[in-house]
Amino acid sequence: MTILLLAEVHNGHLNDSTAKALTAASALGGPVHVLVVGAGDEAAQAAAKLAGVEKVLTASGEAFAHGLAEPLADLIVSLAPSYDAIVAPATSTGKNVLPRVAALLDVAQVSEISKVISPDTFERPIYAGNAVQTVQATDAKKVITVRTSTFPATGEGGSAAIEAISGPAGAGLSSFKSEALAVSDRPELTSAKIIISGGRAMQNAENFKTYIEPVADKLGAAMGASRAAVDAGYAPNDWQVGQTGKVVAPELYIAVGISGAIQHLAGMKDSKVIVAINKDEEAPIFQVADYGLVADLYSALPEFKEELSKIGR
C-alpha cells in the first residue's frame, strides 16, 4: 500500500497538521508520499525532513496558487492510479478538496478518522464526539481525512527526495478573484499550544479585549470563543471552537465563562489540560476540566494576569 498525503501549507510554511496527518498515514502500513501544492521550497524541504516520508511531490503554477478545490482535485485524481490511499488533514482545505476527489474516483470517503485500526478499518467520532464509530472501507482506493487533534505529530529525521510534477490542464470550473485574510501576531488556533477561550458570559467584544487579551498576551496564547459568543458578535468567526468551528487539542485550554455545551466540548475535549473558570458550579464544563475555578471571571482574570506578571510572564 502506497499513500499520498496532501500537505497543509499556510503562507508558504508547512502547517503542523501535516505532521499529525502523517502519523495516521504511516499507520496504514506503506510508504508515504507528500504532495505540496502551490508553495515555495521551504514547505517542500520541511516535508522532506519528516520521518517516514519516502518522496515529496511539488506542483506549482497559477492554477494551484490559491488552493482552489477544482484544479487541486484534478491533480490528485491524475496521481491516484499510483496510490492505494489518499489522505489529508481534516482542515478547511482537506474538507474542501477530498470530497471532490472521492466523487471523481467514485469511492466513499472516510471522514475525520481518530484512530487507524487496520489499513481498511478506522474509528471516527460521531454525535458531537459522544460516540465512536468503527468504519471499514471496502473500496480498493481509500480517501481519508484525519482529525489531527487525536494524533501526535511525526518528528523530523527524514531526507526524502523532492520531485516536481505538472498537473493536468485546468477545466476552468473556478477562478480566483480575491481574498481577505485575517492578520494576527498570535499563534494559529488549530496549532497553538495554549488557547484561552471566552463564552457568552463575556457579554461584549470589548470585554474580550479587556479581560481575555491581556492574559493571552502573557501566555503567548491563541484566543478562541464559543459559538454563543461568536453568534452574539463578541468574537470573529475564525475564533470559534466546537463542532461547527475548529477542533483543537492544545497543551493547555482555558475556558472562561463557557458553560460546556456538547457542541463546544466536541472541539476541545482532547486538550491535554483543561482549565475552566465559571461562576456556576453546576456548569457542564467542570465535568471535563482538569482544574476548575468557581469564580467571577471579571475578578479572576485580572488576578490571573497579576500572578503571571509576578513570575515574569
Foldseek 3Di string as FASTA:
>chain_A
DEEEEEFDDDPQATDLLSLLQVQVVVQQPHQYEYEYEQHDPRRQQVVQQFPRHAEYEYEHDQVGNPLDQQQVLQQCLVVQVVDQEYEYAPDPSLVRHLVVNCVVVVFDAAEAFLADPYNFWTWHAPPLNPDIDIDGGPDRHYYYYHHSLNGDGGDGDGRHYYHYDYGDDGPPPDDDDDDDDDDDPADQQARWQEEEEEECLCVALVSCVVQVVLVCVLVSHHYAYDVRCCVVVNDPQQRYFFQPHAAHAHQEYEYEHDLCDSRRCSRYLNHNAYEYEDLDPPRPVVVSHPYYHNDDSVVVRVVVSVVSVVVPD
